[in-house]
N, C-alpha and C. Protein backbone atom coordinates (compact mmCIF):
# COMPACT_ATOMS: atom_id res chain seq x y z
N MET A 1 80.20 98.16 118.58
CA MET A 1 81.07 99.31 118.41
C MET A 1 81.48 99.86 119.78
N ILE A 2 82.72 100.30 119.86
CA ILE A 2 83.30 100.72 121.13
C ILE A 2 83.69 102.19 121.04
N ARG A 3 83.17 103.00 121.92
CA ARG A 3 83.46 104.42 121.91
C ARG A 3 84.80 104.69 122.61
N ILE A 4 85.62 105.52 121.99
CA ILE A 4 86.90 105.93 122.55
C ILE A 4 86.83 107.41 122.92
N ASP A 5 87.06 107.73 124.18
CA ASP A 5 86.94 109.11 124.66
C ASP A 5 88.28 109.76 124.98
N HIS A 6 89.39 109.00 124.86
CA HIS A 6 90.69 109.57 125.20
C HIS A 6 91.75 108.97 124.27
N PRO A 7 92.65 109.79 123.72
CA PRO A 7 93.65 109.27 122.79
C PRO A 7 94.65 108.31 123.41
N ASP A 8 94.74 108.29 124.73
CA ASP A 8 95.67 107.37 125.39
C ASP A 8 95.03 106.04 125.76
N ASP A 9 93.82 105.81 125.32
CA ASP A 9 93.15 104.54 125.59
C ASP A 9 94.02 103.39 125.05
N PRO A 10 94.41 102.43 125.88
CA PRO A 10 95.32 101.37 125.44
C PRO A 10 94.73 100.47 124.36
N ARG A 11 93.43 100.46 124.22
CA ARG A 11 92.81 99.59 123.23
C ARG A 11 93.10 100.01 121.80
N ILE A 12 93.47 101.27 121.59
CA ILE A 12 93.75 101.74 120.23
C ILE A 12 95.25 102.01 120.03
N ALA A 13 96.07 101.34 120.82
CA ALA A 13 97.52 101.57 120.75
C ALA A 13 98.09 101.30 119.36
N GLY A 14 97.50 100.37 118.64
CA GLY A 14 98.00 100.04 117.30
C GLY A 14 97.83 101.15 116.29
N PHE A 15 96.96 102.12 116.58
CA PHE A 15 96.71 103.23 115.67
C PHE A 15 97.48 104.50 116.04
N ARG A 16 98.21 104.48 117.16
CA ARG A 16 98.79 105.71 117.69
C ARG A 16 100.06 106.10 116.95
N ASP A 17 100.23 107.41 116.71
CA ASP A 17 101.44 107.98 116.08
C ASP A 17 101.79 107.25 114.78
N ILE A 18 100.85 107.29 113.86
CA ILE A 18 100.94 106.48 112.65
C ILE A 18 102.19 106.77 111.83
N ARG A 19 102.49 108.03 111.59
CA ARG A 19 103.61 108.35 110.71
C ARG A 19 104.94 107.84 111.24
N GLU A 20 105.16 107.98 112.55
CA GLU A 20 106.40 107.50 113.13
C GLU A 20 106.49 105.98 113.05
N ARG A 21 105.39 105.31 113.31
CA ARG A 21 105.41 103.84 113.31
C ARG A 21 105.40 103.28 111.89
N ASP A 22 104.97 104.07 110.91
CA ASP A 22 105.08 103.64 109.53
C ASP A 22 106.53 103.31 109.18
N LEU A 23 107.46 104.05 109.78
CA LEU A 23 108.87 103.90 109.45
C LEU A 23 109.51 102.72 110.16
N THR A 24 108.92 102.26 111.23
CA THR A 24 109.53 101.18 112.01
C THR A 24 108.83 99.83 111.81
N GLY A 25 107.66 99.83 111.20
CA GLY A 25 106.95 98.57 110.98
C GLY A 25 106.06 98.20 112.15
N ARG A 26 105.19 97.24 111.90
CA ARG A 26 104.21 96.86 112.92
C ARG A 26 104.16 95.34 113.14
N GLN A 27 105.25 94.66 112.90
CA GLN A 27 105.34 93.22 113.20
C GLN A 27 104.17 92.44 112.59
N GLY A 28 104.08 92.49 111.27
CA GLY A 28 103.07 91.70 110.58
C GLY A 28 101.74 92.38 110.38
N LEU A 29 101.58 93.60 110.92
CA LEU A 29 100.34 94.35 110.75
C LEU A 29 100.59 95.59 109.88
N PHE A 30 99.53 96.21 109.42
CA PHE A 30 99.64 97.43 108.63
C PHE A 30 98.42 98.30 108.92
N VAL A 31 98.54 99.60 108.59
CA VAL A 31 97.42 100.54 108.72
C VAL A 31 96.92 100.89 107.33
N ALA A 32 95.62 100.76 107.13
CA ALA A 32 94.97 101.15 105.88
C ALA A 32 94.09 102.36 106.14
N GLU A 33 93.93 103.20 105.14
CA GLU A 33 93.26 104.48 105.32
C GLU A 33 92.26 104.72 104.20
N GLY A 34 91.04 105.15 104.56
CA GLY A 34 90.06 105.56 103.57
C GLY A 34 89.03 104.50 103.25
N GLU A 35 87.89 104.95 102.72
CA GLU A 35 86.77 104.05 102.46
C GLU A 35 87.06 103.08 101.33
N VAL A 36 87.72 103.53 100.27
CA VAL A 36 88.00 102.65 99.13
C VAL A 36 88.88 101.48 99.56
N VAL A 37 89.93 101.78 100.34
CA VAL A 37 90.83 100.73 100.80
C VAL A 37 90.12 99.80 101.79
N LEU A 38 89.29 100.37 102.68
CA LEU A 38 88.54 99.55 103.61
C LEU A 38 87.59 98.60 102.88
N ASN A 39 87.03 99.07 101.78
CA ASN A 39 86.14 98.23 100.98
C ASN A 39 86.89 97.02 100.44
N VAL A 40 88.14 97.22 100.00
CA VAL A 40 88.94 96.09 99.51
C VAL A 40 89.33 95.17 100.65
N LEU A 41 89.76 95.75 101.77
CA LEU A 41 90.21 94.96 102.91
C LEU A 41 89.12 94.02 103.42
N THR A 42 87.87 94.47 103.39
CA THR A 42 86.77 93.66 103.91
C THR A 42 86.07 92.84 102.83
N SER A 43 86.60 92.86 101.61
CA SER A 43 85.97 92.14 100.50
C SER A 43 86.42 90.68 100.48
N PRO A 44 85.68 89.80 99.79
CA PRO A 44 86.10 88.39 99.67
C PRO A 44 87.42 88.22 98.93
N GLN A 45 87.81 89.21 98.12
CA GLN A 45 89.05 89.12 97.35
C GLN A 45 90.29 89.45 98.17
N SER A 46 90.11 90.01 99.35
CA SER A 46 91.25 90.42 100.16
C SER A 46 92.03 89.21 100.65
N LEU A 47 93.36 89.32 100.59
CA LEU A 47 94.24 88.29 101.13
C LEU A 47 94.67 88.62 102.56
N CYS A 48 94.17 89.74 103.08
CA CYS A 48 94.54 90.22 104.40
C CYS A 48 93.32 90.21 105.32
N ARG A 49 93.58 90.10 106.61
CA ARG A 49 92.49 90.02 107.59
C ARG A 49 92.38 91.32 108.37
N PRO A 50 91.19 91.93 108.44
CA PRO A 50 91.01 93.11 109.29
C PRO A 50 91.17 92.72 110.76
N VAL A 51 91.93 93.52 111.49
CA VAL A 51 92.17 93.27 112.91
C VAL A 51 91.35 94.23 113.78
N ALA A 52 91.22 95.49 113.33
CA ALA A 52 90.45 96.49 114.07
C ALA A 52 90.16 97.67 113.16
N LEU A 53 89.09 98.40 113.47
CA LEU A 53 88.73 99.63 112.77
C LEU A 53 88.70 100.78 113.76
N LEU A 54 89.09 101.96 113.30
CA LEU A 54 88.98 103.18 114.09
C LEU A 54 88.34 104.24 113.19
N LEU A 55 87.14 104.69 113.54
CA LEU A 55 86.35 105.54 112.66
C LEU A 55 85.90 106.82 113.35
N ASP A 56 85.75 107.86 112.55
CA ASP A 56 85.04 109.05 113.00
C ASP A 56 83.60 108.63 113.27
N GLN A 57 83.10 108.90 114.46
CA GLN A 57 81.78 108.41 114.84
C GLN A 57 80.68 108.92 113.90
N LYS A 58 80.93 110.05 113.23
CA LYS A 58 79.94 110.59 112.30
C LYS A 58 79.83 109.76 111.02
N ARG A 59 80.84 108.94 110.76
CA ARG A 59 80.86 108.16 109.52
C ARG A 59 80.33 106.74 109.70
N ALA A 60 80.11 106.35 110.93
CA ALA A 60 79.75 104.96 111.22
C ALA A 60 78.48 104.51 110.50
N GLU A 61 77.46 105.34 110.53
CA GLU A 61 76.19 104.95 109.92
C GLU A 61 76.34 104.74 108.42
N GLY A 62 77.08 105.63 107.76
CA GLY A 62 77.26 105.50 106.32
C GLY A 62 78.15 104.33 105.92
N LEU A 63 78.90 103.78 106.87
CA LEU A 63 79.79 102.65 106.59
C LEU A 63 79.22 101.34 107.13
N SER A 64 77.95 101.31 107.43
CA SER A 64 77.36 100.14 108.08
C SER A 64 77.54 98.86 107.26
N ASP A 65 77.45 98.96 105.93
CA ASP A 65 77.61 97.76 105.10
C ASP A 65 79.03 97.21 105.19
N LEU A 66 80.03 98.09 105.21
CA LEU A 66 81.41 97.64 105.33
C LEU A 66 81.68 97.08 106.73
N ILE A 67 81.16 97.76 107.73
CA ILE A 67 81.35 97.30 109.11
C ILE A 67 80.77 95.91 109.30
N ALA A 68 79.67 95.62 108.62
CA ALA A 68 79.04 94.31 108.75
C ALA A 68 79.92 93.20 108.20
N ARG A 69 80.89 93.53 107.33
CA ARG A 69 81.76 92.51 106.75
C ARG A 69 83.01 92.26 107.59
N VAL A 70 83.18 93.04 108.65
CA VAL A 70 84.35 92.86 109.51
C VAL A 70 84.15 91.63 110.40
N PRO A 71 85.18 90.79 110.56
CA PRO A 71 85.05 89.62 111.43
C PRO A 71 84.59 89.99 112.84
N GLU A 72 83.86 89.10 113.47
CA GLU A 72 83.31 89.38 114.80
C GLU A 72 84.39 89.65 115.84
N ASP A 73 85.58 89.07 115.65
CA ASP A 73 86.63 89.27 116.65
C ASP A 73 87.45 90.54 116.40
N ALA A 74 87.08 91.33 115.39
CA ALA A 74 87.78 92.58 115.11
C ALA A 74 86.97 93.75 115.66
N PRO A 75 87.46 94.43 116.69
CA PRO A 75 86.69 95.52 117.29
C PRO A 75 86.57 96.72 116.35
N VAL A 76 85.47 97.44 116.47
CA VAL A 76 85.24 98.68 115.73
C VAL A 76 85.17 99.82 116.74
N TYR A 77 86.17 100.70 116.70
CA TYR A 77 86.25 101.81 117.64
C TYR A 77 85.73 103.09 116.99
N LEU A 78 84.98 103.89 117.74
CA LEU A 78 84.44 105.16 117.26
C LEU A 78 84.97 106.28 118.15
N ALA A 79 85.32 107.40 117.51
CA ALA A 79 85.83 108.55 118.28
C ALA A 79 85.48 109.84 117.55
N GLU A 80 85.47 110.94 118.29
CA GLU A 80 85.28 112.25 117.68
C GLU A 80 86.52 112.63 116.89
N GLN A 81 86.36 113.57 115.95
CA GLN A 81 87.44 113.94 115.05
C GLN A 81 88.69 114.39 115.78
N LEU A 82 88.56 115.23 116.81
CA LEU A 82 89.73 115.72 117.52
C LEU A 82 90.50 114.60 118.20
N ILE A 83 89.78 113.62 118.73
CA ILE A 83 90.44 112.48 119.36
C ILE A 83 91.13 111.62 118.30
N LEU A 84 90.47 111.44 117.16
CA LEU A 84 91.10 110.70 116.06
C LEU A 84 92.42 111.35 115.66
N ASP A 85 92.40 112.66 115.51
CA ASP A 85 93.62 113.38 115.11
C ASP A 85 94.72 113.21 116.15
N SER A 86 94.35 113.24 117.42
CA SER A 86 95.34 113.07 118.49
C SER A 86 95.93 111.67 118.47
N ILE A 87 95.11 110.70 118.19
CA ILE A 87 95.59 109.31 118.12
C ILE A 87 96.55 109.14 116.96
N ALA A 88 96.13 109.60 115.77
CA ALA A 88 96.92 109.39 114.56
C ALA A 88 98.17 110.25 114.52
N GLY A 89 98.13 111.44 115.15
CA GLY A 89 99.26 112.34 115.11
C GLY A 89 99.20 113.34 113.97
N PHE A 90 98.10 113.37 113.23
CA PHE A 90 97.88 114.33 112.15
C PHE A 90 96.38 114.39 111.88
N HIS A 91 95.95 115.40 111.11
CA HIS A 91 94.53 115.54 110.81
C HIS A 91 94.08 114.43 109.87
N LEU A 92 93.16 113.63 110.35
CA LEU A 92 92.68 112.48 109.59
C LEU A 92 91.36 112.85 108.91
N HIS A 93 91.47 113.54 107.75
CA HIS A 93 90.26 114.09 107.15
C HIS A 93 89.33 113.02 106.59
N ARG A 94 89.86 111.84 106.28
CA ARG A 94 88.99 110.77 105.80
C ARG A 94 88.19 110.12 106.93
N GLY A 95 88.74 110.17 108.14
CA GLY A 95 88.03 109.64 109.29
C GLY A 95 87.89 108.14 109.32
N ILE A 96 88.76 107.43 108.57
CA ILE A 96 88.66 105.97 108.48
C ILE A 96 90.06 105.37 108.55
N LEU A 97 90.30 104.55 109.55
CA LEU A 97 91.53 103.78 109.67
C LEU A 97 91.19 102.32 109.95
N ALA A 98 92.03 101.45 109.43
CA ALA A 98 91.88 100.02 109.72
C ALA A 98 93.25 99.44 110.01
N LEU A 99 93.29 98.54 110.96
CA LEU A 99 94.50 97.78 111.24
C LEU A 99 94.30 96.39 110.63
N GLY A 100 95.24 95.99 109.77
CA GLY A 100 95.10 94.71 109.09
C GLY A 100 96.31 93.81 109.31
N GLU A 101 96.12 92.55 109.02
CA GLU A 101 97.20 91.56 109.16
C GLU A 101 97.69 91.16 107.77
N LYS A 102 99.01 91.23 107.58
CA LYS A 102 99.58 90.86 106.29
C LYS A 102 99.34 89.38 106.00
N PRO A 103 99.27 89.01 104.72
CA PRO A 103 99.10 87.60 104.39
C PRO A 103 100.38 86.82 104.68
N PRO A 104 100.30 85.50 104.78
CA PRO A 104 101.51 84.70 104.98
C PRO A 104 102.51 84.92 103.86
N VAL A 105 103.79 84.89 104.20
CA VAL A 105 104.85 85.07 103.20
C VAL A 105 104.86 83.87 102.25
N GLN A 106 104.92 84.16 100.96
CA GLN A 106 104.95 83.11 99.95
C GLN A 106 106.33 83.01 99.32
N SER A 107 106.76 81.80 99.02
CA SER A 107 108.00 81.62 98.27
C SER A 107 107.73 81.89 96.79
N LEU A 108 108.78 82.11 96.03
CA LEU A 108 108.63 82.34 94.59
C LEU A 108 107.98 81.14 93.91
N ASP A 109 108.44 79.94 94.24
CA ASP A 109 107.89 78.74 93.60
C ASP A 109 106.41 78.57 93.90
N LEU A 110 106.01 78.82 95.14
CA LEU A 110 104.61 78.68 95.51
C LEU A 110 103.76 79.73 94.81
N CYS A 111 104.27 80.94 94.71
CA CYS A 111 103.53 82.03 94.07
C CYS A 111 103.33 81.74 92.58
N LEU A 112 104.39 81.32 91.91
CA LEU A 112 104.30 81.05 90.47
C LEU A 112 103.53 79.77 90.18
N GLY A 113 103.60 78.81 91.08
CA GLY A 113 102.92 77.54 90.87
C GLY A 113 101.42 77.65 90.84
N ALA A 114 100.89 78.72 91.45
CA ALA A 114 99.43 78.89 91.50
C ALA A 114 98.88 79.57 90.25
N LEU A 115 99.77 79.96 89.31
CA LEU A 115 99.35 80.71 88.14
C LEU A 115 99.14 79.80 86.94
N GLY A 116 98.32 80.28 86.01
CA GLY A 116 97.97 79.50 84.83
C GLY A 116 98.97 79.60 83.71
N PRO A 117 98.68 78.96 82.56
CA PRO A 117 99.63 78.90 81.44
C PRO A 117 99.79 80.22 80.70
N ASP A 118 98.85 81.15 80.84
CA ASP A 118 98.95 82.45 80.16
C ASP A 118 99.06 83.60 81.16
N ALA A 119 99.67 83.33 82.30
CA ALA A 119 99.76 84.33 83.36
C ALA A 119 100.76 85.43 83.02
N VAL A 120 100.46 86.64 83.50
CA VAL A 120 101.39 87.77 83.44
C VAL A 120 101.74 88.15 84.87
N VAL A 121 103.02 88.33 85.15
CA VAL A 121 103.45 88.78 86.47
C VAL A 121 104.34 90.00 86.31
N VAL A 122 104.41 90.81 87.36
CA VAL A 122 105.30 91.97 87.40
C VAL A 122 106.42 91.65 88.38
N ALA A 123 107.66 91.85 87.94
CA ALA A 123 108.83 91.64 88.78
C ALA A 123 109.50 92.98 89.00
N ALA A 124 109.47 93.48 90.24
CA ALA A 124 109.99 94.81 90.55
C ALA A 124 111.35 94.70 91.24
N CYS A 125 112.29 95.55 90.78
CA CYS A 125 113.65 95.53 91.32
C CYS A 125 114.02 96.93 91.80
N GLY A 126 114.28 97.09 93.08
CA GLY A 126 114.78 98.35 93.61
C GLY A 126 113.79 99.49 93.61
N ILE A 127 112.49 99.21 93.70
CA ILE A 127 111.48 100.27 93.78
C ILE A 127 111.44 100.77 95.23
N GLY A 128 112.01 101.95 95.47
CA GLY A 128 112.10 102.45 96.84
C GLY A 128 111.10 103.54 97.17
N ASN A 129 110.40 104.06 96.16
CA ASN A 129 109.43 105.12 96.37
C ASN A 129 108.04 104.52 96.59
N HIS A 130 107.38 104.88 97.70
CA HIS A 130 106.11 104.26 98.05
C HIS A 130 104.98 104.64 97.08
N ASP A 131 105.04 105.84 96.51
CA ASP A 131 104.06 106.21 95.50
C ASP A 131 104.20 105.32 94.27
N ASN A 132 105.45 105.11 93.84
CA ASN A 132 105.69 104.25 92.68
C ASN A 132 105.30 102.81 92.97
N MET A 133 105.56 102.37 94.19
CA MET A 133 105.17 101.00 94.56
C MET A 133 103.65 100.84 94.46
N GLY A 134 102.91 101.81 94.99
CA GLY A 134 101.46 101.75 94.87
C GLY A 134 101.02 101.78 93.43
N GLY A 135 101.70 102.58 92.59
CA GLY A 135 101.37 102.63 91.17
C GLY A 135 101.62 101.32 90.47
N VAL A 136 102.68 100.61 90.85
CA VAL A 136 102.96 99.29 90.26
C VAL A 136 101.81 98.33 90.54
N PHE A 137 101.36 98.28 91.79
CA PHE A 137 100.27 97.37 92.14
C PHE A 137 98.96 97.78 91.49
N ARG A 138 98.73 99.09 91.41
CA ARG A 138 97.48 99.57 90.80
C ARG A 138 97.42 99.18 89.32
N ASN A 139 98.52 99.37 88.62
CA ASN A 139 98.55 99.01 87.20
C ASN A 139 98.57 97.51 86.98
N ALA A 140 99.25 96.79 87.87
CA ALA A 140 99.25 95.32 87.77
C ALA A 140 97.83 94.79 87.87
N ALA A 141 97.05 95.35 88.79
CA ALA A 141 95.66 94.93 88.94
C ALA A 141 94.84 95.32 87.72
N ALA A 142 95.08 96.53 87.19
CA ALA A 142 94.31 97.00 86.04
C ALA A 142 94.54 96.13 84.81
N PHE A 143 95.75 95.61 84.65
CA PHE A 143 96.07 94.81 83.48
C PHE A 143 95.96 93.30 83.75
N GLY A 144 95.43 92.94 84.91
CA GLY A 144 95.16 91.53 85.18
C GLY A 144 96.38 90.69 85.51
N ALA A 145 97.42 91.28 86.05
CA ALA A 145 98.60 90.50 86.43
C ALA A 145 98.24 89.52 87.54
N GLY A 146 98.80 88.32 87.46
CA GLY A 146 98.48 87.30 88.43
C GLY A 146 99.25 87.41 89.73
N ALA A 147 100.37 88.14 89.72
CA ALA A 147 101.19 88.29 90.92
C ALA A 147 102.18 89.43 90.72
N VAL A 148 102.68 89.95 91.83
CA VAL A 148 103.76 90.93 91.81
C VAL A 148 104.91 90.36 92.64
N LEU A 149 106.10 90.38 92.08
CA LEU A 149 107.30 89.87 92.75
C LEU A 149 108.20 91.05 93.09
N LEU A 150 108.72 91.09 94.31
CA LEU A 150 109.56 92.20 94.76
C LEU A 150 110.92 91.69 95.22
N ASP A 151 111.98 92.33 94.73
CA ASP A 151 113.30 91.92 95.20
C ASP A 151 113.58 92.54 96.57
N ASP A 152 114.73 92.20 97.12
CA ASP A 152 115.03 92.60 98.50
C ASP A 152 115.44 94.07 98.63
N ARG A 153 115.46 94.82 97.54
CA ARG A 153 115.75 96.26 97.60
C ARG A 153 114.49 97.10 97.46
N CYS A 154 113.34 96.47 97.34
CA CYS A 154 112.08 97.20 97.23
C CYS A 154 111.59 97.65 98.60
N CYS A 155 110.83 98.74 98.62
CA CYS A 155 110.22 99.19 99.87
C CYS A 155 109.01 98.31 100.20
N ASP A 156 108.49 98.50 101.39
CA ASP A 156 107.37 97.69 101.88
C ASP A 156 106.08 98.09 101.15
N PRO A 157 105.45 97.17 100.42
CA PRO A 157 104.19 97.52 99.75
C PRO A 157 103.04 97.76 100.71
N PHE A 158 103.20 97.35 101.98
CA PHE A 158 102.14 97.55 102.97
C PHE A 158 102.31 98.85 103.75
N TYR A 159 103.21 99.70 103.31
CA TYR A 159 103.29 101.06 103.85
C TYR A 159 101.97 101.76 103.53
N ARG A 160 101.47 102.54 104.45
CA ARG A 160 100.12 103.12 104.33
C ARG A 160 99.93 103.87 103.01
N LYS A 161 100.91 104.67 102.61
CA LYS A 161 100.77 105.44 101.38
C LYS A 161 100.77 104.56 100.14
N ALA A 162 101.58 103.50 100.14
CA ALA A 162 101.60 102.58 99.01
C ALA A 162 100.24 101.90 98.84
N ILE A 163 99.65 101.50 99.96
CA ILE A 163 98.32 100.87 99.89
C ILE A 163 97.30 101.85 99.33
N ARG A 164 97.36 103.10 99.80
CA ARG A 164 96.39 104.09 99.35
C ARG A 164 96.53 104.38 97.85
N VAL A 165 97.77 104.56 97.38
CA VAL A 165 97.99 104.83 95.96
C VAL A 165 97.57 103.64 95.10
N SER A 166 97.72 102.45 95.62
CA SER A 166 97.32 101.24 94.87
C SER A 166 95.82 101.06 94.82
N VAL A 167 95.07 101.92 95.50
CA VAL A 167 93.62 101.80 95.63
C VAL A 167 93.25 100.42 96.20
N GLY A 168 94.07 99.95 97.13
CA GLY A 168 93.80 98.68 97.80
C GLY A 168 94.29 97.45 97.07
N ALA A 169 94.88 97.61 95.88
CA ALA A 169 95.33 96.44 95.11
C ALA A 169 96.39 95.63 95.85
N VAL A 170 97.20 96.30 96.69
CA VAL A 170 98.20 95.59 97.48
C VAL A 170 97.56 94.50 98.33
N LEU A 171 96.34 94.74 98.79
CA LEU A 171 95.68 93.84 99.74
C LEU A 171 95.09 92.60 99.07
N ARG A 172 94.99 92.60 97.74
CA ARG A 172 94.36 91.46 97.07
C ARG A 172 95.21 90.85 95.97
N THR A 173 96.46 91.27 95.86
CA THR A 173 97.35 90.76 94.82
C THR A 173 98.33 89.75 95.39
N PRO A 174 98.38 88.53 94.89
CA PRO A 174 99.40 87.57 95.34
C PRO A 174 100.79 88.14 95.10
N MET A 175 101.70 87.92 96.04
CA MET A 175 103.05 88.45 95.90
C MET A 175 104.07 87.57 96.59
N ALA A 176 105.31 87.71 96.14
CA ALA A 176 106.46 87.14 96.82
C ALA A 176 107.43 88.29 97.02
N THR A 177 107.99 88.43 98.22
CA THR A 177 108.82 89.59 98.56
C THR A 177 110.19 89.16 99.06
N GLY A 178 111.11 90.14 99.11
CA GLY A 178 112.44 89.90 99.66
C GLY A 178 113.30 88.98 98.82
N LEU A 179 113.06 88.95 97.51
CA LEU A 179 113.75 88.02 96.63
C LEU A 179 115.09 88.59 96.15
N ASP A 180 116.04 87.72 95.87
CA ASP A 180 117.25 88.11 95.17
C ASP A 180 116.88 88.33 93.71
N ALA A 181 117.28 89.48 93.13
CA ALA A 181 116.83 89.84 91.80
C ALA A 181 117.24 88.82 90.74
N LEU A 182 118.48 88.39 90.75
CA LEU A 182 118.94 87.43 89.75
C LEU A 182 118.26 86.08 89.93
N ALA A 183 118.11 85.65 91.19
CA ALA A 183 117.42 84.39 91.45
C ALA A 183 115.96 84.48 91.03
N MET A 184 115.36 85.66 91.17
CA MET A 184 113.97 85.87 90.76
C MET A 184 113.83 85.66 89.25
N VAL A 185 114.73 86.25 88.49
CA VAL A 185 114.68 86.11 87.03
C VAL A 185 114.91 84.66 86.62
N GLU A 186 115.88 84.02 87.24
CA GLU A 186 116.15 82.62 86.91
C GLU A 186 114.97 81.73 87.29
N GLY A 187 114.33 82.04 88.43
CA GLY A 187 113.15 81.27 88.84
C GLY A 187 112.00 81.43 87.88
N LEU A 188 111.83 82.64 87.36
CA LEU A 188 110.78 82.89 86.36
C LEU A 188 111.04 82.08 85.09
N LYS A 189 112.28 82.07 84.63
CA LYS A 189 112.62 81.31 83.43
C LYS A 189 112.39 79.82 83.66
N ALA A 190 112.78 79.33 84.83
CA ALA A 190 112.61 77.92 85.13
C ALA A 190 111.14 77.52 85.19
N ALA A 191 110.27 78.49 85.53
CA ALA A 191 108.83 78.22 85.60
C ALA A 191 108.13 78.46 84.27
N GLY A 192 108.91 78.68 83.20
CA GLY A 192 108.33 78.81 81.87
C GLY A 192 107.90 80.21 81.50
N PHE A 193 108.40 81.24 82.19
CA PHE A 193 108.04 82.62 81.88
C PHE A 193 109.04 83.22 80.91
N GLU A 194 108.53 83.93 79.91
CA GLU A 194 109.39 84.79 79.09
C GLU A 194 109.56 86.09 79.86
N VAL A 195 110.80 86.50 80.08
CA VAL A 195 111.08 87.67 80.90
C VAL A 195 111.36 88.86 79.99
N LEU A 196 110.54 89.90 80.13
CA LEU A 196 110.67 91.12 79.32
C LEU A 196 111.05 92.29 80.22
N ALA A 197 111.93 93.14 79.71
CA ALA A 197 112.30 94.37 80.41
C ALA A 197 112.07 95.54 79.47
N LEU A 198 111.58 96.65 80.02
CA LEU A 198 111.29 97.83 79.22
C LEU A 198 112.42 98.85 79.33
N THR A 199 112.91 99.32 78.18
CA THR A 199 113.95 100.34 78.16
C THR A 199 113.86 101.10 76.85
N PRO A 200 114.08 102.42 76.86
CA PRO A 200 114.02 103.19 75.61
C PRO A 200 115.15 102.85 74.64
N GLY A 201 116.17 102.12 75.13
CA GLY A 201 117.29 101.78 74.26
C GLY A 201 117.15 100.45 73.56
N ALA A 202 115.99 99.80 73.67
CA ALA A 202 115.82 98.47 73.08
C ALA A 202 115.63 98.56 71.57
N SER A 203 115.96 97.47 70.88
CA SER A 203 115.79 97.42 69.43
C SER A 203 114.41 96.91 69.03
N GLU A 204 113.71 96.27 69.96
CA GLU A 204 112.38 95.71 69.67
C GLU A 204 111.32 96.53 70.42
N SER A 205 110.25 96.90 69.74
CA SER A 205 109.18 97.65 70.40
C SER A 205 108.23 96.71 71.12
N LEU A 206 107.51 97.24 72.10
CA LEU A 206 106.61 96.43 72.91
C LEU A 206 105.54 95.76 72.06
N GLU A 207 105.04 96.47 71.05
CA GLU A 207 103.97 95.93 70.22
C GLU A 207 104.43 94.72 69.39
N GLU A 208 105.74 94.54 69.24
CA GLU A 208 106.27 93.41 68.49
C GLU A 208 106.50 92.17 69.36
N ALA A 209 106.36 92.34 70.67
CA ALA A 209 106.59 91.21 71.57
C ALA A 209 105.52 90.15 71.34
N PRO A 210 105.91 88.87 71.31
CA PRO A 210 104.92 87.81 71.09
C PRO A 210 103.92 87.74 72.24
N ARG A 211 102.69 87.39 71.91
CA ARG A 211 101.63 87.32 72.93
C ARG A 211 101.32 85.87 73.26
N GLY A 212 100.74 85.69 74.46
CA GLY A 212 100.40 84.35 74.90
C GLY A 212 101.51 83.70 75.70
N GLY A 213 101.17 82.68 76.45
CA GLY A 213 102.14 82.02 77.30
C GLY A 213 102.41 82.81 78.57
N ARG A 214 103.32 82.32 79.37
CA ARG A 214 103.67 82.97 80.63
C ARG A 214 104.67 84.10 80.37
N VAL A 215 104.35 85.30 80.85
CA VAL A 215 105.19 86.47 80.60
C VAL A 215 105.42 87.22 81.92
N ALA A 216 106.66 87.66 82.13
CA ALA A 216 107.01 88.48 83.29
C ALA A 216 107.55 89.81 82.80
N ILE A 217 107.05 90.92 83.36
CA ILE A 217 107.53 92.26 83.04
C ILE A 217 108.41 92.73 84.19
N VAL A 218 109.68 93.07 83.89
CA VAL A 218 110.61 93.52 84.91
C VAL A 218 110.64 95.05 84.93
N LEU A 219 110.40 95.62 86.12
CA LEU A 219 110.41 97.07 86.30
C LEU A 219 111.46 97.47 87.32
N GLY A 220 112.08 98.64 87.11
CA GLY A 220 113.06 99.14 88.04
C GLY A 220 112.79 100.57 88.43
N PRO A 221 113.63 101.20 89.25
CA PRO A 221 113.40 102.58 89.68
C PRO A 221 113.58 103.56 88.53
N GLU A 222 113.05 104.78 88.73
CA GLU A 222 113.01 105.76 87.65
C GLU A 222 114.41 106.18 87.18
N GLY A 223 115.36 106.29 88.09
CA GLY A 223 116.67 106.79 87.72
C GLY A 223 117.53 105.75 87.02
N PRO A 224 118.20 104.88 87.79
CA PRO A 224 119.12 103.92 87.18
C PRO A 224 118.43 102.66 86.64
N GLY A 225 117.15 102.51 86.93
CA GLY A 225 116.50 101.24 86.60
C GLY A 225 115.90 101.20 85.22
N LEU A 226 115.02 100.21 85.01
CA LEU A 226 114.43 99.98 83.71
C LEU A 226 113.24 100.90 83.47
């Protein structure tokens, strides 16, 4: 563990001014926040690699089991609360930050090819709200979805707030991103998926939908979407 005594220490540059850098991206990296998310990031189910940790030094002892799961080449930095707040640019009441590496980008075919004959996937179109994005991943995980597909109008699921709302599900869910919406639907059909969309104006209720086989649920934004 490495003690940090000044917010301008170059070793923690990746954690500095988090809110501003959330908007510009981190070139393949992301910031995760809180113990629950850190538990997922360091678990065997995670598809992402921890790069570094920045912790309130008072929390280090209680997080010893999680810290032990961090790769040896990922530094663990400790700092006092005031220094943490100066680094992050806001009061970090959880006292836990992690810098992680996004998983390799997957194509639609590769993502769907890894799924079984009774797989369920979520296909999201135009989800621009990070809270809603986190909710999509959280519910997809709760219902056992095998993957989440995002079209090119969706926001970044690795935005810090989306990860937090998903309770870390973003970090362990297979996904394909940046897809053309129509091509995504056609690709699902070609891979043997029945594509379902939810709308209050439909003539068939959800409980009447046939069960079994490959199924894709298409979701859109709250206003104009599905």
